[in-house]
Amino acid sequence: MTIKIYSHPTSPAGRAVFMLTEILNLKYEFIEVSVMAGDTRKPEYLEKNPNHTIPMIEDDGYILIDSHAILTYLVEKYGAKQAQLYPKDLQLRSTVLQRLFFEASTISAAFLSIFLEIAMNNGPGPNAAQLEKSNDVYNILDKYLSKSKFVAADHLTIADLACISTISTMANVSPIDAKYEKLTAWYKSLSNEEWFKKGNLPGLTAISQYLKSVMEKNSKA
């Protein structure tokens, strides 16, 4: 059976999953779900996902939520030829997991704070504290990347997909300072990949345009 992916093109978490499907050449059925429109609060969705979040996948009756869990699942089940994306080596895998947890607890939290400031609080952009937090995120990632070519290893892993989906979004409203040379080079390298262009860029463009228009509107209010 074809995997069903419930998400929205603008969701950074969803785009991490879409990038992985491009790398794995995995066919799927896309079901668009909008948090802003209240789709995740509908009874039929809550029955499958009480967390009322996206993305969610349905694989032959098996339902899984949280992009990080989904990334590991898809590689384990469908990525035999790309097993390095989620290494078997204990220490490498543990580093990948740590970076995934960092993305969930710190990177995503930093971007969500900025998004809510703009979309819900009518802010003209991130405030000083949010800019400081995003720059702290950039600084940490730059340090990670000074030790390896990618965020968790010297080769691409699912941690890179999770991080780049959110970082590429946040950078539109809190630009990455050129002093973060390793981070800048990593971003540029990944953005040239076909899986980035197909799995991330369309939704990234859409949310960037949305945030820009809201910021302009808020600045005139």
Foldseek 3Di string as FASTA:
>chain_A
DAKEKEEALQDLLQLLVLLVCVVLVGGHHYDYADVVVVRLVDPVNCVLPVVSDDIWMADPNDIDHDSVVVQVVCCVVRVPVPCVQQPPPPVLNVLLVVLLVCLVPQLVVLLVVQCCCQVPVLALADDPVSLVSNQVVLVVQLVCCVVELANRHVDHHSSRSSRLSRNLLVCLRRNHDCVSVSSVVSNVVVCPDPSCVPRRPVSSVVVSVVSNVSSVVSVVD
